[in-house]
Amino acid sequence: MHSAIYKICPESLWRQAESVGTFAGAPVDLADGFIHFSTVEQVRETAAKHFAGHDDLLLIAIDPDKLGPSLRYEPSRGGALFPHLYGPLDLNAVSWVRPLPLGPDGTHDFPDLTA
């Protein structure tokens, strides 16, 4: 079993995905041709770099073992391997969805990711 991977997503976009049962990706994912995910070690930096100051976000935990060969770990920022999904995300692979609010200091207030 691999550790969960994470997607940060605007709540309105995620609720649309829930209504249809699949997530095709955010605009950046559609433009790049794959869905961007982060590992537990990467997700806080992803939030700070790409979602600074944004509220109304959700943090989605995904079981990578349920994604099959469409999931690839590819180099990005400084050579770090990031999980990319080439195809839509089947919501059956989602372990949980939690709010990702901004804390009083303006950074995102993450839930416990060690569980």
PDB file of N, CA and C in Angstrom:
ATOM      1  N   MET A   1       0.845  -1.193   0.000  1.00  0.00           N
ATOM      2  CA  MET A   1       0.000   0.000   0.000  1.00  0.00           C
ATOM      3  C   MET A   1       0.881   1.243   0.000  1.00  0.00           C
ATOM      4  N   HIS A   2       0.630   2.134  -0.908  1.00  0.00           N
ATOM      5  CA  HIS A   2       1.357   3.388  -0.990  1.00  0.00           C
ATOM      6  C   HIS A   2       0.653   4.452  -0.154  1.00  0.00           C
ATOM      7  N   SER A   3       1.406   5.452   0.262  1.00  0.00           N
ATOM      8  CA  SER A   3       0.827   6.577   0.983  1.00  0.00           C
ATOM      9  C   SER A   3      -0.114   7.338   0.068  1.00  0.00           C
ATOM     10  N   ALA A   4      -1.073   8.000   0.688  1.00  0.00           N
ATOM     11  CA  ALA A   4      -2.034   8.793  -0.078  1.00  0.00           C
ATOM     12  C   ALA A   4      -1.305   9.892  -0.862  1.00  0.00           C
ATOM     13  N   ILE A   5      -1.918  10.282  -1.955  1.00  0.00           N
ATOM     14  CA  ILE A   5      -1.503  11.475  -2.682  1.00  0.00           C
ATOM     15  C   ILE A   5      -2.651  12.470  -2.572  1.00  0.00           C
ATOM     16  N   TYR A   6      -2.354  13.739  -2.848  1.00  0.00           N
ATOM     17  CA  TYR A   6      -3.319  14.788  -2.541  1.00  0.00           C
ATOM     18  C   TYR A   6      -3.568  15.702  -3.725  1.00  0.00           C
ATOM     19  N   LYS A   7      -4.813  16.183  -3.792  1.00  0.00           N
ATOM     20  CA  LYS A   7      -5.224  17.178  -4.767  1.00  0.00           C
ATOM     21  C   LYS A   7      -5.834  18.342  -3.995  1.00  0.00           C
ATOM     22  N   ILE A   8      -5.369  19.552  -4.301  1.00  0.00           N
ATOM     23  CA  ILE A   8      -5.988  20.761  -3.762  1.00  0.00           C
ATOM     24  C   ILE A   8      -6.909  21.284  -4.854  1.00  0.00           C
ATOM     25  N   CYS A   9      -8.163  21.553  -4.487  1.00  0.00           N
ATOM     26  CA  CYS A   9      -9.154  21.870  -5.506  1.00  0.00           C
ATOM     27  C   CYS A   9     -10.154  22.894  -4.967  1.00  0.00           C
ATOM     28  N   PRO A  10     -10.544  23.872  -5.780  1.00  0.00           N
ATOM     29  CA  PRO A  10     -11.634  24.759  -5.366  1.00  0.00           C
ATOM     30  C   PRO A  10     -12.896  23.936  -5.091  1.00  0.00           C
ATOM     31  N   GLU A  11     -13.596  24.278  -4.013  1.00  0.00           N
ATOM     32  CA  GLU A  11     -14.754  23.483  -3.621  1.00  0.00           C
ATOM     33  C   GLU A  11     -15.800  23.393  -4.722  1.00  0.00           C
ATOM     34  N   SER A  12     -16.072  24.483  -5.417  1.00  0.00           N
ATOM     35  CA  SER A  12     -17.116  24.456  -6.449  1.00  0.00           C
ATOM     36  C   SER A  12     -16.765  23.478  -7.568  1.00  0.00           C
ATOM     37  N   LEU A  13     -15.497  23.430  -7.949  1.00  0.00           N
ATOM     38  CA  LEU A  13     -15.057  22.513  -8.999  1.00  0.00           C
ATOM     39  C   LEU A  13     -15.183  21.061  -8.532  1.00  0.00           C
ATOM     40  N   TRP A  14     -14.831  20.803  -7.272  1.00  0.00           N
ATOM     41  CA  TRP A  14     -14.913  19.440  -6.736  1.00  0.00           C
ATOM     42  C   TRP A  14     -16.366  18.989  -6.622  1.00  0.00           C
ATOM     43  N   ARG A  15     -17.259  19.879  -6.200  1.00  0.00           N
ATOM     44  CA  ARG A  15     -18.678  19.510  -6.060  1.00  0.00           C
ATOM     45  C   ARG A  15     -19.260  19.147  -7.421  1.00  0.00           C
ATOM     46  N   GLN A  16     -18.813  19.820  -8.491  1.00  0.00           N
ATOM     47  CA  GLN A  16     -19.249  19.442  -9.840  1.00  0.00           C
ATOM     48  C   GLN A  16     -18.795  18.016 -10.151  1.00  0.00           C
ATOM     49  N   ALA A  17     -17.554  17.692  -9.783  1.00  0.00           N
ATOM     50  CA  ALA A  17     -17.029  16.348 -10.037  1.00  0.00           C
ATOM     51  C   ALA A  17     -17.845  15.313  -9.271  1.00  0.00           C
ATOM     52  N   GLU A  18     -18.187  15.628  -8.028  1.00  0.00           N
ATOM     53  CA  GLU A  18     -18.987  14.683  -7.236  1.00  0.00           C
ATOM     54  C   GLU A  18     -20.344  14.434  -7.879  1.00  0.00           C
ATOM     55  N   SER A  19     -20.892  15.449  -8.514  1.00  0.00           N
ATOM     56  CA  SER A  19     -22.221  15.289  -9.118  1.00  0.00           C
ATOM     57  C   SER A  19     -22.186  14.366 -10.337  1.00  0.00           C
ATOM     58  N   VAL A  20     -21.015  14.266 -10.999  1.00  0.00           N
ATOM     59  CA  VAL A  20     -20.911  13.400 -12.170  1.00  0.00           C
ATOM     60  C   VAL A  20     -20.111  12.121 -11.911  1.00  0.00           C
ATOM     61  N   GLY A  21     -19.448  12.043 -10.750  1.00  0.00           N
ATOM     62  CA  GLY A  21     -18.742  10.818 -10.374  1.00  0.00           C
ATOM     63  C   GLY A  21     -17.322  10.699 -10.877  1.00  0.00           C
ATOM     64  N   THR A  22     -16.824  11.735 -11.532  1.00  0.00           N
ATOM     65  CA  THR A  22     -15.450  11.708 -12.017  1.00  0.00           C
ATOM     66  C   THR A  22     -14.913  13.133 -12.048  1.00  0.00           C
ATOM     67  N   PHE A  23     -13.590  13.252 -11.911  1.00  0.00           N
ATOM     68  CA  PHE A  23     -12.938  14.558 -11.921  1.00  0.00           C
ATOM     69  C   PHE A  23     -11.992  14.609 -13.109  1.00  0.00           C
ATOM     70  N   ALA A  24     -12.301  15.492 -14.061  1.00  0.00           N
ATOM     71  CA  ALA A  24     -11.472  15.607 -15.265  1.00  0.00           C
ATOM     72  C   ALA A  24     -10.249  16.478 -15.029  1.00  0.00           C
ATOM     73  N   GLY A  25     -10.296  17.307 -13.984  1.00  0.00           N
ATOM     74  CA  GLY A  25      -9.163  18.164 -13.675  1.00  0.00           C
ATOM     75  C   GLY A  25      -9.548  19.624 -13.608  1.00  0.00           C
ATOM     76  N   ALA A  26      -8.689  20.397 -12.961  1.00  0.00           N
ATOM     77  CA  ALA A  26      -8.820  21.847 -12.915  1.00  0.00           C
ATOM     78  C   ALA A  26      -8.302  22.417 -14.235  1.00  0.00           C
ATOM     79  N   PRO A  27      -8.524  23.702 -14.497  1.00  0.00           N
ATOM     80  CA  PRO A  27      -8.032  24.279 -15.760  1.00  0.00           C
ATOM     81  C   PRO A  27      -6.545  24.018 -16.015  1.00  0.00           C
ATOM     82  N   VAL A  28      -5.699  24.114 -14.997  1.00  0.00           N
ATOM     83  CA  VAL A  28      -4.260  23.857 -15.202  1.00  0.00           C
ATOM     84  C   VAL A  28      -4.009  22.400 -15.596  1.00  0.00           C
ATOM     85  N   ASP A  29      -4.791  21.479 -15.021  1.00  0.00           N
ATOM     86  CA  ASP A  29      -4.649  20.056 -15.370  1.00  0.00           C
ATOM     87  C   ASP A  29      -5.040  19.830 -16.823  1.00  0.00           C
ATOM     88  N   LEU A  30      -6.154  20.412 -17.212  1.00  0.00           N
ATOM     89  CA  LEU A  30      -6.625  20.240 -18.592  1.00  0.00           C
ATOM     90  C   LEU A  30      -5.620  20.820 -19.581  1.00  0.00           C
ATOM     91  N   ALA A  31      -5.023  21.959 -19.226  1.00  0.00           N
ATOM     92  CA  ALA A  31      -4.029  22.581 -20.106  1.00  0.00           C
ATOM     93  C   ALA A  31      -2.773  21.728 -20.216  1.00  0.00           C
ATOM     94  N   ASP A  32      -2.369  21.078 -19.112  1.00  0.00           N
ATOM     95  CA  ASP A  32      -1.137  20.282 -19.106  1.00  0.00           C
ATOM     96  C   ASP A  32      -1.339  18.851 -19.597  1.00  0.00           C
ATOM     97  N   GLY A  33      -2.571  18.389 -19.665  1.00  0.00           N
ATOM     98  CA  GLY A  33      -2.846  17.046 -20.168  1.00  0.00           C
ATOM     99  C   GLY A  33      -2.785  15.960 -19.113  1.00  0.00           C
ATOM    100  N   PHE A  34      -2.716  16.337 -17.848  1.00  0.00           N
ATOM    101  CA  PHE A  34      -2.742  15.370 -16.757  1.00  0.00           C
ATOM    102  C   PHE A  34      -3.196  16.082 -15.494  1.00  0.00           C
ATOM    103  N   ILE A  35      -3.664  15.293 -14.514  1.00  0.00           N
ATOM    104  CA  ILE A  35      -4.081  15.855 -13.231  1.00  0.00           C
ATOM    105  C   ILE A  35      -2.871  15.887 -12.310  1.00  0.00           C
ATOM    106  N   HIS A  36      -2.587  17.065 -11.774  1.00  0.00           N
ATOM    107  CA  HIS A  36      -1.473  17.254 -10.848  1.00  0.00           C
ATOM    108  C   HIS A  36      -1.874  16.803  -9.448  1.00  0.00           C
ATOM    109  N   PHE A  37      -1.037  15.998  -8.829  1.00  0.00           N
ATOM    110  CA  PHE A  37      -1.195  15.626  -7.428  1.00  0.00           C
ATOM    111  C   PHE A  37       0.104  15.945  -6.699  1.00  0.00           C
ATOM    112  N   SER A  38       0.050  15.850  -5.381  1.00  0.00           N
ATOM    113  CA  SER A  38       1.240  16.031  -4.550  1.00  0.00           C
ATOM    114  C   SER A  38       1.323  14.895  -3.550  1.00  0.00           C
ATOM    115  N   THR A  39       2.541  14.544  -3.178  1.00  0.00           N
ATOM    116  CA  THR A  39       2.734  13.594  -2.079  1.00  0.00           C
ATOM    117  C   THR A  39       2.572  14.344  -0.766  1.00  0.00           C
ATOM    118  N   VAL A  40       2.558  13.599   0.328  1.00  0.00           N
ATOM    119  CA  VAL A  40       2.432  14.231   1.648  1.00  0.00           C
ATOM    120  C   VAL A  40       3.582  15.207   1.903  1.00  0.00           C
ATOM    121  N   GLU A  41       4.752  14.904   1.380  1.00  0.00           N
ATOM    122  CA  GLU A  41       5.915  15.773   1.559  1.00  0.00           C
ATOM    123  C   GLU A  41       5.823  17.038   0.712  1.00  0.00           C
ATOM    124  N   GLN A  42       5.021  17.016  -0.340  1.00  0.00           N
ATOM    125  CA  GLN A  42       4.960  18.117  -1.306  1.00  0.00           C
ATOM    126  C   GLN A  42       3.743  19.016  -1.159  1.00  0.00           C
ATOM    127  N   VAL A  43       2.687  18.539  -0.513  1.00  0.00           N
ATOM    128  CA  VAL A  43       1.395  19.225  -0.595  1.00  0.00           C
ATOM    129  C   VAL A  43       1.390  20.604   0.065  1.00  0.00           C
ATOM    130  N   ARG A  44       2.130  20.792   1.134  1.00  0.00           N
ATOM    131  CA  ARG A  44       2.151  22.116   1.771  1.00  0.00           C
ATOM    132  C   ARG A  44       2.845  23.137   0.864  1.00  0.00           C
ATOM    133  N   GLU A  45       3.922  22.721   0.224  1.00  0.00           N
ATOM    134  CA  GLU A  45       4.612  23.617  -0.711  1.00  0.00           C
ATOM    135  C   GLU A  45       3.713  23.925  -1.915  1.00  0.00           C
ATOM    136  N   THR A  46       2.984  22.936  -2.382  1.00  0.00           N
ATOM    137  CA  THR A  46       2.056  23.153  -3.486  1.00  0.00           C
ATOM    138  C   THR A  46       1.011  24.194  -3.098  1.00  0.00           C
ATOM    139  N   ALA A  47       0.471  24.082  -1.894  1.00  0.00           N
ATOM    140  CA  ALA A  47      -0.528  25.054  -1.430  1.00  0.00           C
ATOM    141  C   ALA A  47       0.071  26.450  -1.385  1.00  0.00           C
ATOM    142  N   ALA A  48       1.279  26.571  -0.837  1.00  0.00           N
ATOM    143  CA  ALA A  48       1.918  27.881  -0.704  1.00  0.00           C
ATOM    144  C   ALA A  48       2.268  28.477  -2.067  1.00  0.00           C
ATOM    145  N   LYS A  49       2.712  27.632  -2.992  1.00  0.00           N
ATOM    146  CA  LYS A  49       3.181  28.125  -4.291  1.00  0.00           C
ATOM    147  C   LYS A  49       2.041  28.433  -5.254  1.00  0.00           C
ATOM    148  N   HIS A  50       1.036  27.573  -5.270  1.00  0.00           N
ATOM    149  CA  HIS A  50      -0.004  27.687  -6.297  1.00  0.00           C
ATOM    150  C   HIS A  50      -1.355  28.175  -5.787  1.00  0.00           C
ATOM    151  N   PHE A  51      -1.557  28.175  -4.471  1.00  0.00           N
ATOM    152  CA  PHE A  51      -2.869  28.530  -3.916  1.00  0.00           C
ATOM    153  C   PHE A  51      -2.775  29.575  -2.816  1.00  0.00           C
ATOM    154  N   ALA A  52      -1.676  30.311  -2.747  1.00  0.00           N
ATOM    155  CA  ALA A  52      -1.479  31.311  -1.696  1.00  0.00           C
ATOM    156  C   ALA A  52      -2.648  32.295  -1.673  1.00  0.00           C
ATOM    157  N   GLY A  53      -3.203  32.490  -0.492  1.00  0.00           N
ATOM    158  CA  GLY A  53      -4.287  33.440  -0.315  1.00  0.00           C
ATOM    159  C   GLY A  53      -5.656  32.963  -0.748  1.00  0.00           C
ATOM    160  N   HIS A  54      -5.747  31.772  -1.325  1.00  0.00           N
ATOM    161  CA  HIS A  54      -7.035  31.241  -1.781  1.00  0.00           C
ATOM    162  C   HIS A  54      -7.725  30.522  -0.631  1.00  0.00           C
ATOM    163  N   ASP A  55      -8.999  30.867  -0.442  1.00  0.00           N
ATOM    164  CA  ASP A  55      -9.782  30.066   0.480  1.00  0.00           C
ATOM    165  C   ASP A  55     -10.799  29.302  -0.363  1.00  0.00           C
ATOM    166  N   ASP A  56     -11.791  28.713   0.249  1.00  0.00           N
ATOM    167  CA  ASP A  56     -12.790  27.930  -0.475  1.00  0.00           C
ATOM    168  C   ASP A  56     -12.138  26.751  -1.213  1.00  0.00           C
ATOM    169  N   LEU A  57     -11.093  26.179  -0.572  1.00  0.00           N
ATOM    170  CA  LEU A  57     -10.405  25.032  -1.156  1.00  0.00           C
ATOM    171  C   LEU A  57     -10.721  23.770  -0.380  1.00  0.00           C
ATOM    172  N   LEU A  58     -10.576  22.649  -1.063  1.00  0.00           N
ATOM    173  CA  LEU A  58     -10.673  21.341  -0.433  1.00  0.00           C
ATOM    174  C   LEU A  58      -9.361  20.609  -0.637  1.00  0.00           C
ATOM    175  N   LEU A  59      -9.041  19.764   0.329  1.00  0.00           N
ATOM    176  CA  LEU A  59      -7.911  18.857   0.212  1.00  0.00           C
ATOM    177  C   LEU A  59      -8.487  17.466   0.035  1.00  0.00           C
ATOM    178  N   ILE A  60      -8.113  16.812  -1.046  1.00  0.00           N
ATOM    179  CA  ILE A  60      -8.644  15.495  -1.383  1.00  0.00           C
ATOM    180  C   ILE A  60      -7.519  14.482  -1.283  1.00  0.00           C
ATOM    181  N   ALA A  61      -7.740  13.446  -0.482  1.00  0.00           N
ATOM    182  CA  ALA A  61      -6.770  12.354  -0.356  1.00  0.00           C
ATOM    183  C   ALA A  61      -7.183  11.233  -1.296  1.00  0.00           C
ATOM    184  N   ILE A  62      -6.226  10.731  -2.051  1.00  0.00           N
ATOM    185  CA  ILE A  62      -6.479   9.700  -3.057  1.00  0.00           C
ATOM    186  C   ILE A  62      -5.587   8.499  -2.779  1.00  0.00           C
ATOM    187  N   ASP A  63      -6.152   7.322  -2.940  1.00  0.00           N
ATOM    188  CA  ASP A  63      -5.393   6.083  -2.805  1.00  0.00           C
ATOM    189  C   ASP A  63      -4.726   5.797  -4.154  1.00  0.00           C
ATOM    190  N   PRO A  64      -3.400   5.968  -4.242  1.00  0.00           N
ATOM    191  CA  PRO A  64      -2.749   5.786  -5.547  1.00  0.00           C
ATOM    192  C   PRO A  64      -2.830   4.355  -6.070  1.00  0.00           C
ATOM    193  N   ASP A  65      -3.017   3.395  -5.176  1.00  0.00           N
ATOM    194  CA  ASP A  65      -3.109   2.001  -5.612  1.00  0.00           C
ATOM    195  C   ASP A  65      -4.367   1.729  -6.434  1.00  0.00           C
ATOM    196  N   LYS A  66      -5.341   2.632  -6.380  1.00  0.00           N
ATOM    197  CA  LYS A  66      -6.589   2.457  -7.131  1.00  0.00           C
ATOM    198  C   LYS A  66      -6.557   3.153  -8.494  1.00  0.00           C
ATOM    199  N   LEU A  67      -5.423   3.771  -8.837  1.00  0.00           N
ATOM    200  CA  LEU A  67      -5.360   4.554 -10.073  1.00  0.00           C
ATOM    201  C   LEU A  67      -4.759   3.802 -11.253  1.00  0.00           C
ATOM    202  N   GLY A  68      -4.042   2.733 -10.985  1.00  0.00           N
ATOM    203  CA  GLY A  68      -3.509   1.919 -12.071  1.00  0.00           C
ATOM    204  C   GLY A  68      -2.390   2.595 -12.845  1.00  0.00           C
ATOM    205  N   PRO A  69      -2.139   2.111 -14.083  1.00  0.00           N
ATOM    206  CA  PRO A  69      -0.987   2.577 -14.859  1.00  0.00           C
ATOM    207  C   PRO A  69      -1.112   4.010 -15.378  1.00  0.00           C
ATOM    208  N   SER A  70      -2.279   4.636 -15.246  1.00  0.00           N
ATOM    209  CA  SER A  70      -2.425   6.024 -15.684  1.00  0.00           C
ATOM    210  C   SER A  70      -1.717   6.996 -14.743  1.00  0.00           C
ATOM    211  N   LEU A  71      -1.335   6.514 -13.546  1.00  0.00           N
ATOM    212  CA  LEU A  71      -0.605   7.340 -12.585  1.00  0.00           C
ATOM    213  C   LEU A  71       0.885   7.171 -12.821  1.00  0.00           C
ATOM    214  N   ARG A  72       1.556   8.295 -13.026  1.00  0.00           N
ATOM    215  CA  ARG A  72       3.017   8.263 -13.228  1.00  0.00           C
ATOM    216  C   ARG A  72       3.663   9.300 -12.324  1.00  0.00           C
ATOM    217  N   TYR A  73       4.840   8.962 -11.815  1.00  0.00           N
ATOM    218  CA  TYR A  73       5.623   9.905 -11.013  1.00  0.00           C
ATOM    219  C   TYR A  73       6.671  10.506 -11.939  1.00  0.00           C
ATOM    220  N   GLU A  74       6.585  11.815 -12.142  1.00  0.00           N
ATOM    221  CA  GLU A  74       7.436  12.481 -13.123  1.00  0.00           C
ATOM    222  C   GLU A  74       8.154  13.665 -12.488  1.00  0.00           C
ATOM    223  N   PRO A  75       9.365  13.972 -12.975  1.00  0.00           N
ATOM    224  CA  PRO A  75      10.127  15.075 -12.398  1.00  0.00           C
ATOM    225  C   PRO A  75       9.461  16.427 -12.625  1.00  0.00           C
ATOM    226  N   SER A  76       9.533  17.240 -11.605  1.00  0.00           N
ATOM    227  CA  SER A  76       9.046  18.608 -11.673  1.00  0.00           C
ATOM    228  C   SER A  76      10.030  19.452 -10.880  1.00  0.00           C
ATOM    229  N   ARG A  77       9.542  20.468 -10.171  1.00  0.00           N
ATOM    230  CA  ARG A  77      10.374  21.365  -9.364  1.00  0.00           C
ATOM    231  C   ARG A  77      11.704  20.778  -8.913  1.00  0.00           C
ATOM    232  N   GLY A  78      12.761  21.180  -9.501  1.00  0.00           N
ATOM    233  CA  GLY A  78      14.075  20.750  -9.043  1.00  0.00           C
ATOM    234  C   GLY A  78      14.308  19.252  -9.120  1.00  0.00           C
ATOM    235  N   GLY A  79      13.567  18.556  -9.976  1.00  0.00           N
ATOM    236  CA  GLY A  79      13.774  17.132 -10.150  1.00  0.00           C
ATOM    237  C   GLY A  79      12.940  16.255  -9.234  1.00  0.00           C
ATOM    238  N   ALA A  80      12.163  16.850  -8.316  1.00  0.00           N
ATOM    239  CA  ALA A  80      11.311  16.040  -7.428  1.00  0.00           C
ATOM    240  C   ALA A  80      10.265  15.316  -8.270  1.00  0.00           C
ATOM    241  N   LEU A  81       9.953  14.094  -7.878  1.00  0.00           N
ATOM    242  CA  LEU A  81       8.956  13.311  -8.603  1.00  0.00           C
ATOM    243  C   LEU A  81       7.563  13.631  -8.068  1.00  0.00           C
ATOM    244  N   PHE A  82       6.707  14.101  -8.957  1.00  0.00           N
ATOM    245  CA  PHE A  82       5.332  14.416  -8.597  1.00  0.00           C
ATOM    246  C   PHE A  82       4.395  13.421  -9.256  1.00  0.00           C
ATOM    247  N   PRO A  83       3.312  13.033  -8.560  1.00  0.00           N
ATOM    248  CA  PRO A  83       2.324  12.136  -9.157  1.00  0.00           C
ATOM    249  C   PRO A  83       1.434  12.882 -10.147  1.00  0.00           C
ATOM    250  N   HIS A  84       1.317  12.312 -11.345  1.00  0.00           N
ATOM    251  CA  HIS A  84       0.475  12.861 -12.407  1.00  0.00           C
ATOM    252  C   HIS A  84      -0.450  11.751 -12.898  1.00  0.00           C
ATOM    253  N   LEU A  85      -1.716  12.078 -13.065  1.00  0.00           N
ATOM    254  CA  LEU A  85      -2.692  11.108 -13.559  1.00  0.00           C
ATOM    255  C   LEU A  85      -3.091  11.479 -14.977  1.00  0.00           C
ATOM    256  N   TYR A  86      -2.841  10.570 -15.905  1.00  0.00           N
ATOM    257  CA  TYR A  86      -3.187  10.767 -17.314  1.00  0.00           C
ATOM    258  C   TYR A  86      -4.554  10.159 -17.569  1.00  0.00           C
ATOM    259  N   GLY A  87      -5.570  10.942 -17.316  1.00  0.00           N
ATOM    260  CA  GLY A  87      -6.951  10.498 -17.469  1.00  0.00           C
ATOM    261  C   GLY A  87      -7.776  11.039 -16.324  1.00  0.00           C
ATOM    262  N   PRO A  88      -9.079  10.835 -16.373  1.00  0.00           N
ATOM    263  CA  PRO A  88      -9.935  11.348 -15.313  1.00  0.00           C
ATOM    264  C   PRO A  88      -9.738  10.577 -14.008  1.00  0.00           C
ATOM    265  N   LEU A  89     -10.010  11.255 -12.906  1.00  0.00           N
ATOM    266  CA  LEU A  89      -9.939  10.639 -11.584  1.00  0.00           C
ATOM    267  C   LEU A  89     -11.281  10.011 -11.264  1.00  0.00           C
ATOM    268  N   ASP A  90     -11.300   8.698 -11.098  1.00  0.00           N
ATOM    269  CA  ASP A  90     -12.493   7.991 -10.646  1.00  0.00           C
ATOM    270  C   ASP A  90     -12.640   8.277  -9.154  1.00  0.00           C
ATOM    271  N   LEU A  91     -13.790   8.783  -8.742  1.00  0.00           N
ATOM    272  CA  LEU A  91     -13.965   9.181  -7.348  1.00  0.00           C
ATOM    273  C   LEU A  91     -13.948   7.994  -6.391  1.00  0.00           C
ATOM    274  N   ASN A  92     -13.993   6.777  -6.901  1.00  0.00           N
ATOM    275  CA  ASN A  92     -13.848   5.601  -6.034  1.00  0.00           C
ATOM    276  C   ASN A  92     -12.448   5.510  -5.436  1.00  0.00           C
ATOM    277  N   ALA A  93     -11.490   6.233  -6.016  1.00  0.00           N
ATOM    278  CA  ALA A  93     -10.124   6.225  -5.486  1.00  0.00           C
ATOM    279  C   ALA A  93      -9.934   7.241  -4.364  1.00  0.00           C
ATOM    280  N   VAL A  94     -10.952   8.054  -4.097  1.00  0.00           N
ATOM    281  CA  VAL A  94     -10.850   9.104  -3.070  1.00  0.00           C
ATOM    282  C   VAL A  94     -11.050   8.500  -1.687  1.00  0.00           C
ATOM    283  N   SER A  95     -10.094   8.766  -0.799  1.00  0.00           N
ATOM    284  CA  SER A  95     -10.185   8.281   0.581  1.00  0.00           C
ATOM    285  C   SER A  95     -10.982   9.233   1.456  1.00  0.00           C
ATOM    286  N   TRP A  96     -10.729  10.528   1.295  1.00  0.00           N
ATOM    287  CA  TRP A  96     -11.480  11.538   2.041  1.00  0.00           C
ATOM    288  C   TRP A  96     -11.328  12.902   1.392  1.00  0.00           C
ATOM    289  N   VAL A  97     -12.252  13.801   1.768  1.00  0.00           N
ATOM    290  CA  VAL A  97     -12.256  15.192   1.308  1.00  0.00           C
ATOM    291  C   VAL A  97     -12.438  16.056   2.544  1.00  0.00           C
ATOM    292  N   ARG A  98     -11.538  17.027   2.726  1.00  0.00           N
ATOM    293  CA  ARG A  98     -11.622  17.898   3.899  1.00  0.00           C
ATOM    294  C   ARG A  98     -11.403  19.345   3.478  1.00  0.00           C
ATOM    295  N   PRO A  99     -11.990  20.291   4.229  1.00  0.00           N
ATOM    296  CA  PRO A  99     -11.750  21.708   3.936  1.00  0.00           C
ATOM    297  C   PRO A  99     -10.277  22.058   4.126  1.00  0.00           C
ATOM    298  N   LEU A 100      -9.804  23.023   3.356  1.00  0.00           N
ATOM    299  CA  LEU A 100      -8.434  23.520   3.479  1.00  0.00           C
ATOM    300  C   LEU A 100      -8.514  25.043   3.665  1.00  0.00           C
ATOM    301  N   PRO A 101      -8.902  25.462   4.881  1.00  0.00           N
ATOM    302  CA  PRO A 101      -9.099  26.894   5.119  1.00  0.00           C
ATOM    303  C   PRO A 101      -7.781  27.639   5.300  1.00  0.00           C
ATOM    304  N   LEU A 102      -7.881  28.945   5.160  1.00  0.00           N
ATOM    305  CA  LEU A 102      -6.741  29.799   5.485  1.00  0.00           C
ATOM    306  C   LEU A 102      -6.727  30.014   6.995  1.00  0.00           C
ATOM    307  N   GLY A 103      -5.553  29.892   7.590  1.00  0.00           N
ATOM    308  CA  GLY A 103      -5.392  30.161   9.013  1.00  0.00           C
ATOM    309  C   GLY A 103      -5.228  31.646   9.264  1.00  0.00           C
ATOM    310  N   PRO A 104      -5.147  32.042  10.535  1.00  0.00           N
ATOM    311  CA  PRO A 104      -5.019  33.454  10.882  1.00  0.00           C
ATOM    312  C   PRO A 104      -3.774  34.110  10.295  1.00  0.00           C
ATOM    313  N   ASP A 105      -2.744  33.316  10.030  1.00  0.00           N
ATOM    314  CA  ASP A 105      -1.503  33.885   9.479  1.00  0.00           C
ATOM    315  C   ASP A 105      -1.523  33.952   7.951  1.00  0.00           C
ATOM    316  N   GLY A 106      -2.637  33.536   7.325  1.00  0.00           N
ATOM    317  CA  GLY A 106      -2.757  33.615   5.877  1.00  0.00           C
ATOM    318  C   GLY A 106      -2.262  32.392   5.137  1.00  0.00           C
ATOM    319  N   THR A 107      -1.728  31.396   5.874  1.00  0.00           N
ATOM    320  CA  THR A 107      -1.344  30.141   5.225  1.00  0.00           C
ATOM    321  C   THR A 107      -2.449  29.115   5.451  1.00  0.00           C
ATOM    322  N   HIS A 108      -2.439  28.066   4.676  1.00  0.00           N
ATOM    323  CA  HIS A 108      -3.494  27.065   4.771  1.00  0.00           C
ATOM    324  C   HIS A 108      -3.338  26.220   6.027  1.00  0.00           C
ATOM    325  N   ASP A 109      -4.469  25.936   6.630  1.00  0.00           N
ATOM    326  CA  ASP A 109      -4.546  25.156   7.867  1.00  0.00           C
ATOM    327  C   ASP A 109      -4.846  23.704   7.490  1.00  0.00           C
ATOM    328  N   PHE A 110      -3.781  22.896   7.419  1.00  0.00           N
ATOM    329  CA  PHE A 110      -3.913  21.498   6.978  1.00  0.00           C
ATOM    330  C   PHE A 110      -4.438  20.597   8.084  1.00  0.00           C
ATOM    331  N   PRO A 111      -5.252  19.601   7.713  1.00  0.00           N
ATOM    332  CA  PRO A 111      -5.616  18.552   8.680  1.00  0.00           C
ATOM    333  C   PRO A 111      -4.401  17.670   8.934  1.00  0.00           C
ATOM    334  N   ASP A 112      -4.518  16.795   9.906  1.00  0.00           N
ATOM    335  CA  ASP A 112      -3.450  15.840  10.202  1.00  0.00           C
ATOM    336  C   ASP A 112      -3.298  14.878   9.034  1.00  0.00           C
ATOM    337  N   LEU A 113      -2.113  14.845   8.424  1.00  0.00           N
ATOM    338  CA  LEU A 113      -1.883  13.967   7.276  1.00  0.00           C
ATOM    339  C   LEU A 113      -1.116  12.717   7.648  1.00  0.00           C
ATOM    340  N   THR A 114      -0.889  12.488   8.944  1.00  0.00           N
ATOM    341  CA  THR A 114      -0.113  11.315   9.364  1.00  0.00           C
ATOM    342  C   THR A 114      -0.980  10.073   9.507  1.00  0.00           C
ATOM    343  N   ALA A 115      -2.291  10.257   9.576  1.00  0.00           N
ATOM    344  CA  ALA A 115      -3.182   9.106   9.785  1.00  0.00           C
ATOM    345  C   ALA A 115      -3.399   8.334   8.501  1.00  0.00           C
TER     346      ALA A 115
END
